[in-house]
N, C-alpha and C. Protein backbone atom coordinates (compact mmCIF):
# COMPACT_ATOMS: atom_id res chain seq x y z
N UNK A 1 89.58 194.54 -62.34
CA UNK A 1 88.66 192.86 -61.96
C UNK A 1 88.82 192.65 -60.40
N UNK A 2 88.40 191.27 -60.07
CA UNK A 2 88.32 190.09 -58.46
C UNK A 2 88.19 189.19 -59.07
N UNK A 3 89.55 188.67 -58.46
CA UNK A 3 89.83 187.20 -58.15
C UNK A 3 89.76 187.14 -56.93
N UNK A 4 89.35 185.67 -57.14
CA UNK A 4 89.38 184.89 -56.17
C UNK A 4 90.71 184.03 -55.84
N UNK A 5 91.30 183.81 -55.17
CA UNK A 5 92.84 183.78 -55.28
C UNK A 5 92.48 182.28 -54.55
N UNK A 6 93.29 181.04 -55.48
CA UNK A 6 92.92 179.34 -53.92
C UNK A 6 94.02 179.21 -53.71
N UNK A 7 94.75 179.25 -52.38
CA UNK A 7 95.55 177.90 -52.29
C UNK A 7 95.62 176.77 -51.27
N UNK A 8 95.28 175.67 -52.47
CA UNK A 8 94.68 174.60 -52.68
C UNK A 8 95.43 173.70 -51.15
N UNK A 9 95.05 172.92 -50.16
CA UNK A 9 95.36 172.30 -49.11
C UNK A 9 94.00 171.18 -48.43
N UNK A 10 94.48 170.41 -48.12
CA UNK A 10 92.70 169.63 -47.47
C UNK A 10 92.37 170.18 -46.32
N UNK A 11 93.87 170.56 -45.41
CA UNK A 11 94.50 171.14 -44.22
C UNK A 11 93.19 172.49 -43.98
N UNK A 12 94.33 173.21 -44.49
CA UNK A 12 93.97 174.58 -44.58
C UNK A 12 93.93 174.90 -46.23
N UNK A 13 92.81 175.19 -47.05
CA UNK A 13 93.32 175.77 -48.02
C UNK A 13 92.68 177.68 -48.17
N UNK A 14 94.18 177.62 -48.25
CA UNK A 14 93.33 179.60 -47.82
C UNK A 14 93.13 179.93 -49.32
N UNK A 15 92.08 181.49 -48.93
CA UNK A 15 91.10 181.83 -50.03
C UNK A 15 91.92 183.66 -49.38
N UNK A 16 91.24 183.91 -50.49
CA UNK A 16 91.01 185.56 -50.66
C UNK A 16 91.23 186.29 -52.18
N UNK A 17 90.19 186.80 -51.48
CA UNK A 17 89.93 188.22 -52.98
C UNK A 17 90.33 189.20 -53.36
N UNK A 18 90.43 189.74 -54.33
CA UNK A 18 91.95 191.06 -54.97
C UNK A 18 91.09 191.56 -55.86
N UNK A 19 90.68 192.92 -55.72
CA UNK A 19 90.37 193.31 -56.56
C UNK A 19 91.16 194.79 -56.88
N UNK A 20 90.94 194.65 -58.87
CA UNK A 20 92.31 196.09 -59.37
C UNK A 20 92.33 196.06 -60.85
N UNK A 21 93.36 196.86 -61.41
CA UNK A 21 93.57 196.00 -62.51
C UNK A 21 95.25 196.74 -62.01
N UNK A 22 95.72 195.74 -63.28
CA UNK A 22 97.10 196.24 -63.16
C UNK A 22 97.80 197.32 -64.07
N UNK A 23 98.84 197.85 -62.72
CA UNK A 23 99.10 199.34 -63.24
C UNK A 23 98.39 199.79 -62.16
N UNK A 24 97.86 199.86 -61.10
CA UNK A 24 97.16 200.44 -60.17
C UNK A 24 97.10 200.34 -58.70
N UNK A 25 96.33 200.73 -57.73
CA UNK A 25 96.79 200.35 -55.99
C UNK A 25 95.59 199.48 -56.55
N UNK A 26 95.99 197.92 -55.95
CA UNK A 26 94.56 196.52 -55.47
C UNK A 26 94.28 197.09 -54.00
N UNK A 27 93.17 196.41 -53.98
CA UNK A 27 92.62 196.26 -53.11
C UNK A 27 91.90 194.51 -52.06
N UNK A 28 92.23 194.87 -50.94
CA UNK A 28 91.96 193.43 -50.26
C UNK A 28 90.30 193.32 -50.04
N UNK A 29 89.58 192.62 -50.22
CA UNK A 29 88.55 191.65 -49.95
C UNK A 29 88.25 191.32 -48.98
N UNK A 30 89.22 190.48 -48.85
CA UNK A 30 88.47 189.63 -47.97
C UNK A 30 89.78 188.72 -48.13
N UNK A 31 89.99 187.68 -47.21
CA UNK A 31 91.08 186.94 -46.19
C UNK A 31 91.15 185.93 -46.21
N UNK A 32 91.07 184.43 -45.45
CA UNK A 32 90.87 183.24 -44.87
C UNK A 32 91.43 182.40 -45.53
N UNK A 33 90.86 181.12 -44.41
CA UNK A 33 91.22 179.38 -44.99
C UNK A 33 90.27 179.28 -44.07
N UNK A 34 89.70 177.73 -45.73
CA UNK A 34 89.09 176.78 -45.10
C UNK A 34 89.16 175.95 -44.63
N UNK A 35 89.29 175.59 -43.22
CA UNK A 35 89.73 173.81 -42.49
C UNK A 35 89.27 173.01 -42.59
N UNK A 36 89.67 172.31 -42.59
CA UNK A 36 89.52 170.78 -42.72
C UNK A 36 90.00 169.74 -40.92
N UNK A 37 89.38 168.76 -40.07
CA UNK A 37 90.19 167.71 -39.23
C UNK A 37 91.05 167.02 -39.81
N UNK A 38 92.01 167.38 -39.97
CA UNK A 38 92.99 166.16 -40.60
C UNK A 38 92.59 164.52 -40.19
N UNK A 39 91.99 164.45 -38.92
CA UNK A 39 92.00 163.23 -38.63
C UNK A 39 90.03 162.94 -39.60
N UNK A 40 89.33 163.55 -39.95
CA UNK A 40 88.38 162.95 -40.47
C UNK A 40 88.22 162.52 -41.75
N UNK A 41 87.77 161.61 -42.26
CA UNK A 41 87.21 161.53 -43.68
C UNK A 41 87.24 161.94 -44.83
N UNK A 42 88.21 161.70 -45.32
CA UNK A 42 88.46 162.48 -47.18
C UNK A 42 87.23 163.11 -47.29
N UNK A 43 86.24 162.39 -47.76
CA UNK A 43 85.00 162.25 -48.47
C UNK A 43 84.54 163.53 -47.79
N UNK A 44 84.21 163.93 -46.23
CA UNK A 44 83.71 164.66 -45.57
C UNK A 44 84.66 166.08 -45.75
N UNK A 45 86.40 165.68 -46.26
CA UNK A 45 86.73 167.33 -45.86
C UNK A 45 86.35 168.10 -47.35
N UNK A 46 86.48 166.84 -48.24
CA UNK A 46 86.31 167.89 -49.62
C UNK A 46 84.89 168.12 -49.91
N UNK A 47 84.08 167.56 -49.29
CA UNK A 47 82.42 168.57 -49.09
C UNK A 47 83.20 170.04 -48.06
N UNK A 48 83.65 169.86 -46.95
CA UNK A 48 83.61 170.83 -45.90
C UNK A 48 84.94 172.42 -46.84
N UNK A 49 85.57 171.46 -47.65
CA UNK A 49 86.38 172.18 -48.09
C UNK A 49 85.56 173.49 -49.60
N UNK A 50 84.34 172.06 -50.43
CA UNK A 50 84.13 172.53 -51.54
C UNK A 50 82.57 173.73 -50.89
N UNK A 51 82.16 173.31 -49.27
CA UNK A 51 81.62 174.62 -49.08
C UNK A 51 81.99 175.82 -48.68
N UNK A 52 83.44 176.15 -48.23
CA UNK A 52 83.91 176.95 -47.94
C UNK A 52 83.74 178.09 -48.67
N UNK A 53 84.47 177.08 -49.98
CA UNK A 53 84.66 178.18 -51.39
C UNK A 53 83.49 178.57 -51.92
N UNK A 54 82.55 177.49 -52.26
CA UNK A 54 81.06 178.43 -52.59
C UNK A 54 80.92 179.03 -51.19
N UNK A 55 80.79 179.29 -50.08
CA UNK A 55 80.50 179.95 -49.18
C UNK A 55 81.49 181.96 -49.46
N UNK A 56 82.73 181.61 -49.65
CA UNK A 56 83.66 182.62 -50.74
C UNK A 56 83.45 183.31 -51.95
N UNK A 57 82.70 182.43 -52.76
CA UNK A 57 81.93 182.44 -54.51
C UNK A 57 80.57 183.12 -54.32
N UNK A 58 79.84 183.05 -52.85
CA UNK A 58 78.65 183.79 -52.52
C UNK A 58 78.72 185.24 -52.14
N UNK A 59 79.82 185.29 -51.29
CA UNK A 59 79.95 186.55 -50.67
C UNK A 59 80.67 188.10 -51.54
N UNK A 60 82.16 186.76 -52.33
CA UNK A 60 82.49 187.93 -53.04
C UNK A 60 82.14 188.08 -54.26
N UNK A 61 81.54 186.85 -55.19
CA UNK A 61 81.41 187.76 -56.43
C UNK A 61 82.24 187.70 -56.75
N UNK A 62 83.35 186.71 -57.42
CA UNK A 62 84.25 187.00 -58.58
C UNK A 62 84.11 186.68 -59.56
N UNK A 63 85.07 187.28 -60.48
CA UNK A 63 84.92 187.68 -61.95
C UNK A 63 85.94 185.91 -62.31
N UNK A 64 87.23 185.79 -61.30
CA UNK A 64 87.59 184.47 -62.48
C UNK A 64 87.82 183.87 -60.96
N UNK A 65 88.70 182.57 -61.05
CA UNK A 65 89.21 182.28 -59.96
C UNK A 65 90.83 181.96 -60.43
N UNK A 66 91.80 182.36 -59.61
CA UNK A 66 93.15 181.85 -59.61
C UNK A 66 93.90 180.73 -58.71
N UNK A 67 94.27 180.18 -58.93
CA UNK A 67 94.27 178.77 -57.69
C UNK A 67 95.82 178.53 -58.21
N UNK A 68 96.86 177.64 -57.29
CA UNK A 68 98.26 177.62 -57.49
C UNK A 68 97.68 176.01 -58.03
N UNK A 69 99.21 176.28 -59.34
CA UNK A 69 99.01 175.07 -60.35
C UNK A 69 99.61 173.79 -59.12
N UNK A 70 99.17 172.36 -59.08
CA UNK A 70 99.85 171.65 -58.43
C UNK A 70 100.97 171.17 -58.70
N UNK A 71 102.11 171.06 -58.14
CA UNK A 71 103.72 170.70 -58.84
C UNK A 71 104.03 169.90 -58.05
N UNK A 72 104.69 169.48 -58.12
CA UNK A 72 105.62 167.29 -58.26
C UNK A 72 106.25 167.37 -56.52
N UNK A 73 105.84 166.96 -55.57
CA UNK A 73 107.03 167.23 -54.36
C UNK A 73 106.55 164.80 -54.10
N UNK A 74 107.84 165.16 -53.29
CA UNK A 74 108.19 164.46 -52.69
C UNK A 74 107.23 163.05 -51.91
N UNK A 75 106.63 164.39 -50.42
CA UNK A 75 105.37 163.43 -50.48
C UNK A 75 103.64 163.40 -51.17
N UNK A 76 103.96 162.30 -51.99
CA UNK A 76 102.63 161.65 -52.25
C UNK A 76 101.17 162.50 -51.68
N UNK A 77 101.05 161.92 -50.40
CA UNK A 77 99.67 162.51 -49.73
C UNK A 77 99.71 162.93 -49.92
N UNK A 78 101.21 164.41 -49.66
CA UNK A 78 100.26 165.99 -50.05
C UNK A 78 99.64 166.14 -50.95
N UNK A 79 101.04 166.35 -52.37
CA UNK A 79 100.12 166.62 -53.69
C UNK A 79 98.45 165.59 -53.55
N UNK A 80 98.77 164.84 -53.69
CA UNK A 80 96.83 163.88 -53.92
C UNK A 80 96.11 165.19 -52.91
N UNK A 81 96.21 165.38 -51.60
CA UNK A 81 95.30 166.54 -51.12
C UNK A 81 95.18 167.42 -51.47
N UNK A 82 96.48 168.06 -51.96
CA UNK A 82 96.75 169.62 -52.82
C UNK A 82 95.27 169.36 -53.85
N UNK A 83 95.86 168.90 -54.83
CA UNK A 83 95.14 168.11 -56.28
C UNK A 83 93.94 167.82 -55.95
N UNK A 84 93.66 167.29 -54.58
CA UNK A 84 92.08 167.16 -54.83
C UNK A 84 91.20 168.81 -54.50
N UNK A 85 92.40 169.32 -53.19
CA UNK A 85 91.28 170.51 -53.12
C UNK A 85 91.43 171.69 -54.56
N UNK A 86 92.74 171.43 -54.97
CA UNK A 86 92.43 172.51 -56.40
C UNK A 86 91.38 172.15 -57.26
N UNK A 87 91.13 170.99 -57.43
CA UNK A 87 90.45 169.98 -58.42
C UNK A 87 88.07 170.55 -57.83
N UNK A 88 88.78 170.64 -56.12
CA UNK A 88 87.20 171.34 -55.90
C UNK A 88 87.06 173.00 -56.03
N UNK A 89 88.31 173.74 -55.62
CA UNK A 89 87.97 175.08 -56.34
C UNK A 89 87.10 174.85 -57.38
N UNK A 90 88.72 174.56 -58.78
CA UNK A 90 88.30 174.80 -60.10
C UNK A 90 86.35 173.84 -60.73
N UNK A 91 86.03 172.87 -59.71
CA UNK A 91 84.06 172.84 -59.81
C UNK A 91 84.02 173.69 -59.28
N UNK A 92 83.57 174.25 -58.49
CA UNK A 92 82.97 175.46 -58.30
C UNK A 92 83.08 176.45 -59.03
N UNK A 93 84.18 176.65 -59.23
CA UNK A 93 83.76 178.34 -60.34
C UNK A 93 83.41 178.11 -61.66
N UNK A 94 83.88 176.37 -62.16
CA UNK A 94 82.89 176.07 -63.50
C UNK A 94 81.70 175.93 -62.96
N UNK A 95 80.80 175.67 -62.31
CA UNK A 95 79.45 175.33 -61.85
C UNK A 95 79.06 176.54 -62.45
N UNK A 96 80.30 177.67 -61.91
CA UNK A 96 79.52 179.40 -62.36
C UNK A 96 79.35 179.87 -63.11
N UNK A 97 80.32 179.22 -63.75
CA UNK A 97 80.70 179.89 -65.56
C UNK A 97 81.67 180.82 -65.18
N UNK A 98 82.98 180.86 -64.59
CA UNK A 98 84.08 181.70 -63.83
C UNK A 98 85.26 181.11 -64.72
N UNK A 99 85.98 181.49 -64.93
CA UNK A 99 87.45 181.65 -65.66
C UNK A 99 88.08 181.29 -65.07
N UNK A 100 88.91 180.10 -64.02
CA UNK A 100 89.75 179.79 -63.67
C UNK A 100 91.38 179.95 -64.68
N UNK A 101 92.53 180.18 -63.65
CA UNK A 101 93.72 180.10 -63.89
C UNK A 101 94.51 179.58 -63.50
N UNK A 102 95.16 178.59 -63.75
CA UNK A 102 95.95 178.62 -62.85
C UNK A 102 97.52 179.07 -62.53
N UNK A 103 98.40 178.45 -61.57
CA UNK A 103 99.52 179.91 -61.55
C UNK A 103 100.45 178.80 -61.23
N UNK A 104 102.05 178.56 -61.60
CA UNK A 104 102.67 178.08 -60.57
C UNK A 104 103.14 178.60 -59.34
N UNK A 105 103.95 177.95 -57.90
CA UNK A 105 103.99 178.55 -57.09
C UNK A 105 105.15 179.77 -57.24
N UNK A 106 106.19 179.41 -58.88
CA UNK A 106 107.28 180.35 -58.73
C UNK A 106 106.68 181.70 -59.79
N UNK A 107 105.55 181.44 -60.61
CA UNK A 107 104.87 182.48 -61.19
C UNK A 107 104.36 183.91 -60.04
N UNK A 108 103.56 182.73 -59.20
CA UNK A 108 103.32 183.49 -58.21
C UNK A 108 104.33 184.32 -57.25
N UNK A 109 105.37 183.60 -57.06
CA UNK A 109 106.62 184.59 -55.94
C UNK A 109 107.54 185.67 -56.96
N UNK A 110 107.50 185.26 -58.36
CA UNK A 110 108.58 186.14 -58.64
C UNK A 110 107.28 187.27 -59.46
N UNK A 111 106.03 187.02 -59.24
CA UNK A 111 105.53 188.16 -59.48
C UNK A 111 104.51 189.36 -59.23
N UNK A 112 105.03 189.10 -57.15
CA UNK A 112 105.04 189.52 -56.23
C UNK A 112 106.32 190.03 -55.68
N UNK A 113 107.19 188.92 -55.80
CA UNK A 113 108.77 189.82 -55.29
C UNK A 113 109.81 190.14 -56.15
N UNK A 114 108.96 189.61 -57.25
CA UNK A 114 110.68 189.83 -58.23
C UNK A 114 111.27 188.63 -58.59
N UNK A 115 111.33 187.13 -57.45
CA UNK A 115 112.24 186.78 -56.76
C UNK A 115 111.46 185.25 -57.20
N UNK A 116 111.69 184.19 -58.16
CA UNK A 116 111.08 183.01 -58.73
C UNK A 116 111.05 182.02 -57.53
N UNK A 117 112.47 182.44 -56.80
CA UNK A 117 112.24 181.41 -54.58
C UNK A 117 112.31 182.24 -53.80
N UNK A 118 111.60 182.98 -53.50
CA UNK A 118 111.33 184.31 -52.53
C UNK A 118 110.63 183.02 -51.53
N UNK A 119 111.03 183.40 -50.27
CA UNK A 119 109.96 182.01 -49.88
C UNK A 119 109.31 183.22 -49.02
N UNK A 120 108.41 182.07 -47.79
CA UNK A 120 106.87 182.69 -47.41
C UNK A 120 107.41 184.43 -46.76
N UNK A 121 108.02 183.91 -46.08
CA UNK A 121 108.08 185.46 -45.23
C UNK A 121 108.28 186.53 -46.34
N UNK A 122 109.71 186.67 -47.40
CA UNK A 122 109.70 187.46 -47.70
C UNK A 122 107.12 187.27 -48.73
N UNK A 123 107.48 186.33 -49.17
CA UNK A 123 106.08 186.64 -49.95
C UNK A 123 104.50 187.07 -49.39
N UNK A 124 104.76 187.56 -47.93
CA UNK A 124 103.69 187.56 -46.98
C UNK A 124 104.10 189.69 -46.82
N UNK A 125 105.26 189.64 -47.22
CA UNK A 125 106.18 190.61 -46.58
C UNK A 125 105.10 192.02 -48.14
N UNK A 126 105.37 191.66 -49.25
CA UNK A 126 104.22 191.68 -50.59
C UNK A 126 103.92 192.51 -50.40
N UNK A 127 103.26 190.99 -49.89
CA UNK A 127 101.49 191.27 -50.40
C UNK A 127 101.05 192.23 -49.77
N UNK A 128 102.02 192.39 -47.72
CA UNK A 128 101.43 193.20 -46.74
C UNK A 128 100.83 194.65 -47.61
N UNK A 129 102.56 194.75 -48.33
CA UNK A 129 103.14 196.43 -49.16
C UNK A 129 102.06 196.62 -50.25
N UNK A 130 101.69 195.53 -50.75
CA UNK A 130 101.33 195.44 -52.69
C UNK A 130 100.00 196.43 -51.29
N UNK A 131 99.11 195.19 -50.75
CA UNK A 131 97.79 195.72 -50.57
C UNK A 131 97.17 196.52 -49.57
N UNK A 132 98.66 197.39 -48.73
CA UNK A 132 98.41 198.11 -47.80
C UNK A 132 97.96 197.95 -46.59
N UNK A 133 98.49 196.81 -46.12
CA UNK A 133 97.72 196.06 -45.08
C UNK A 133 98.57 195.98 -43.57
N UNK A 134 98.22 196.75 -42.93
CA UNK A 134 98.84 196.20 -41.31
C UNK A 134 99.99 195.29 -41.00
N UNK A 135 99.78 194.33 -41.70
CA UNK A 135 100.98 192.87 -41.32
C UNK A 135 100.22 191.85 -41.64
N UNK A 136 101.31 191.08 -42.45
CA UNK A 136 101.13 189.70 -43.13
C UNK A 136 100.01 189.19 -42.41
N UNK A 137 99.17 188.55 -43.60
CA UNK A 137 98.10 187.41 -43.38
C UNK A 137 98.93 186.24 -42.94
N UNK A 138 97.76 186.27 -41.41
CA UNK A 138 98.20 184.77 -41.15
C UNK A 138 96.85 183.77 -41.30
N UNK A 139 97.51 182.17 -41.07
CA UNK A 139 98.51 182.49 -41.98
C UNK A 139 98.93 182.52 -43.23
N UNK A 140 100.37 181.46 -43.16
CA UNK A 140 100.50 181.07 -44.75
C UNK A 140 100.18 181.46 -45.88
N UNK A 141 98.88 180.42 -45.94
CA UNK A 141 98.31 180.23 -46.86
C UNK A 141 97.45 181.32 -47.39
N UNK A 142 97.00 182.00 -46.55
CA UNK A 142 95.77 182.82 -46.35
C UNK A 142 96.43 184.31 -47.12
N UNK A 143 98.26 184.93 -47.14
CA UNK A 143 98.52 185.51 -47.42
C UNK A 143 99.32 184.73 -48.97
N UNK A 144 99.65 183.43 -48.91
CA UNK A 144 99.27 182.59 -50.57
C UNK A 144 98.08 183.39 -51.58
N UNK A 145 97.38 183.05 -51.13
CA UNK A 145 95.89 182.96 -52.08
C UNK A 145 95.57 184.44 -52.18
N UNK A 146 95.95 185.41 -51.40
CA UNK A 146 96.81 187.10 -52.19
C UNK A 146 97.05 187.01 -52.91
N UNK A 147 98.54 186.89 -52.65
CA UNK A 147 99.81 186.50 -54.31
C UNK A 147 99.05 185.88 -54.74
N UNK A 148 97.98 184.91 -55.10
CA UNK A 148 97.32 184.13 -56.58
C UNK A 148 96.73 185.15 -57.13
N UNK A 149 95.78 185.90 -56.53
CA UNK A 149 94.89 187.21 -56.42
C UNK A 149 96.17 187.96 -57.54
N UNK A 150 96.23 189.05 -56.77
CA UNK A 150 97.88 189.72 -57.19
C UNK A 150 98.16 189.28 -58.77
N UNK A 151 98.51 188.27 -58.53
CA UNK A 151 99.41 187.49 -59.86
C UNK A 151 98.87 187.39 -60.63
N UNK A 152 97.53 187.02 -61.05
CA UNK A 152 96.53 187.04 -61.84
C UNK A 152 96.03 187.66 -62.50
N UNK A 153 96.32 189.02 -61.13
CA UNK A 153 95.20 191.07 -61.74
C UNK A 153 96.78 191.11 -63.33
N UNK A 154 97.37 190.35 -62.36
CA UNK A 154 98.85 191.47 -62.87
C UNK A 154 99.32 190.76 -64.55
N UNK A 155 99.04 189.66 -64.72
CA UNK A 155 99.93 188.83 -65.35
C UNK A 155 98.38 188.62 -66.26
N UNK A 156 97.18 188.53 -66.45
CA UNK A 156 95.95 188.44 -66.94
C UNK A 156 96.11 189.65 -67.63
N UNK A 157 95.98 190.55 -68.36
CA UNK A 157 96.01 191.33 -69.20
C UNK A 157 97.36 190.66 -70.99
N UNK A 158 98.85 190.83 -69.83
CA UNK A 158 99.51 189.82 -71.27
C UNK A 158 99.31 188.91 -71.28
N UNK A 159 98.57 187.64 -70.83
CA UNK A 159 98.22 186.61 -71.57
C UNK A 159 96.96 186.17 -72.47
N UNK A 160 96.42 187.86 -71.90
CA UNK A 160 95.43 188.10 -73.15
C UNK A 160 96.17 188.40 -73.66
N UNK A 161 96.60 189.45 -74.20
CA UNK A 161 97.06 189.95 -74.86
C UNK A 161 97.86 188.88 -76.28
N UNK A 162 98.86 187.82 -75.80
CA UNK A 162 99.23 186.18 -76.08
C UNK A 162 98.46 185.67 -76.49
N UNK A 163 97.57 185.36 -76.18
CA UNK A 163 96.53 184.46 -76.72
C UNK A 163 95.34 184.98 -77.96
N UNK A 164 95.41 187.07 -77.44
CA UNK A 164 94.58 186.98 -79.36
C UNK A 164 95.63 187.22 -80.52
N UNK A 165 97.05 187.53 -79.82
CA UNK A 165 97.27 187.32 -80.85
C UNK A 165 98.15 185.53 -81.67
N UNK A 166 98.41 185.18 -80.56
CA UNK A 166 98.17 183.43 -81.35
C UNK A 166 97.20 183.87 -81.55
N UNK A 167 96.12 184.17 -82.01
CA UNK A 167 94.23 183.07 -82.14
C UNK A 167 94.98 184.21 -83.42
N UNK A 168 94.90 185.93 -83.86
CA UNK A 168 95.49 186.28 -85.62
C UNK A 168 96.06 185.57 -86.39
N UNK A 169 97.19 184.69 -85.32
CA UNK A 169 97.83 184.52 -86.42
C UNK A 169 97.75 183.41 -86.78
N UNK A 170 97.34 182.06 -86.41
CA UNK A 170 96.71 181.19 -86.52
C UNK A 170 95.27 181.33 -87.66
N UNK A 171 94.61 182.76 -87.03
CA UNK A 171 93.69 182.71 -88.06
C UNK A 171 94.40 183.26 -89.56
N UNK A 172 95.03 183.98 -89.71
CA UNK A 172 95.72 183.98 -91.26
C UNK A 172 96.43 183.44 -91.76
N UNK A 173 96.76 182.53 -91.06
CA UNK A 173 97.95 181.65 -92.49
C UNK A 173 97.27 179.90 -92.56
N UNK A 174 96.62 180.02 -93.41
CA UNK A 174 96.18 179.63 -94.46
C UNK A 174 96.80 177.55 -93.97
N UNK A 175 96.09 177.17 -93.96
CA UNK A 175 96.78 175.34 -93.45
C UNK A 175 96.35 175.14 -94.26
N UNK A 176 97.76 174.19 -94.51
CA UNK A 176 97.64 173.03 -96.18
C UNK A 176 97.55 172.25 -95.62
N UNK A 177 96.53 171.06 -95.81
CA UNK A 177 96.41 169.97 -96.00
C UNK A 177 97.36 169.34 -95.67
N UNK A 178 97.74 167.65 -95.12
CA UNK A 178 98.52 166.92 -95.56
C UNK A 178 99.20 166.58 -96.88
N UNK A 179 97.59 166.46 -97.04
CA UNK A 179 97.63 165.48 -98.42
C UNK A 179 98.29 165.43 -99.64
N UNK A 180 97.75 167.16 -99.28
CA UNK A 180 98.56 167.77 -100.78
C UNK A 180 99.58 168.48 -101.00
N UNK A 181 100.43 168.06 -99.92
CA UNK A 181 102.13 168.17 -100.02
C UNK A 181 102.67 167.75 -100.81
N UNK A 182 103.63 168.86 -101.78
CA UNK A 182 103.97 167.84 -102.59
C UNK A 182 105.29 167.05 -102.34
N UNK A 183 105.68 165.99 -102.40
CA UNK A 183 107.11 165.77 -102.41
C UNK A 183 108.88 166.31 -102.56
N UNK A 184 109.51 165.77 -101.85
CA UNK A 184 110.50 166.90 -102.99
C UNK A 184 111.69 166.16 -102.79
N UNK A 185 112.47 166.42 -104.79
CA UNK A 185 113.12 165.63 -104.83
C UNK A 185 114.61 166.23 -104.81
N UNK A 186 115.09 165.41 -104.61
CA UNK A 186 116.53 165.88 -104.51
C UNK A 186 116.82 165.77 -106.36
N UNK A 187 117.54 167.03 -107.01
CA UNK A 187 117.99 167.27 -108.05
C UNK A 187 119.40 167.01 -108.23
N UNK A 188 119.88 165.87 -108.98
CA UNK A 188 121.69 165.67 -108.88
C UNK A 188 122.16 166.97 -110.06
N UNK A 189 123.17 166.93 -109.52
CA UNK A 189 124.11 167.75 -110.19
C UNK A 189 125.61 167.66 -110.96
């Protein structure tokens, strides 16, 4: 499986491509950052992020895209920029018919470091170790994008099995229409 990880942001949007399967050594195919100037008009910044992600999709041809799920922060402006960049990544993937997976920051940290509270340095160190790199990718947004891809490769098989189990259980369980339900009466003693 080849996964493009996207750590969304308007100023720095981390991107990284990892290939492999759960339980086997993983390979980094590319890592970088799509940058936009903070003083540029929002529309131009969004177009620049879109072009950057499209270039990564063209070059690496991933099987799916893993994007960091936007979480609430105190700074609404930061959340808005992150959400907009996230939407651009999902749009680019959807145009190509690629599946998109959203992972929370704590899921990613737990997957690569064993702790959902790991700091940036710990995530960078584990990404370096897991991908057998000489040094942690810089900036941290690039390392986070690789961590997202690793998380997805490791979690996808389990998530797929859970979805299949839920679908199978739903198919086996007959549904009783609500209008056909018989009211239950209490019997006096």
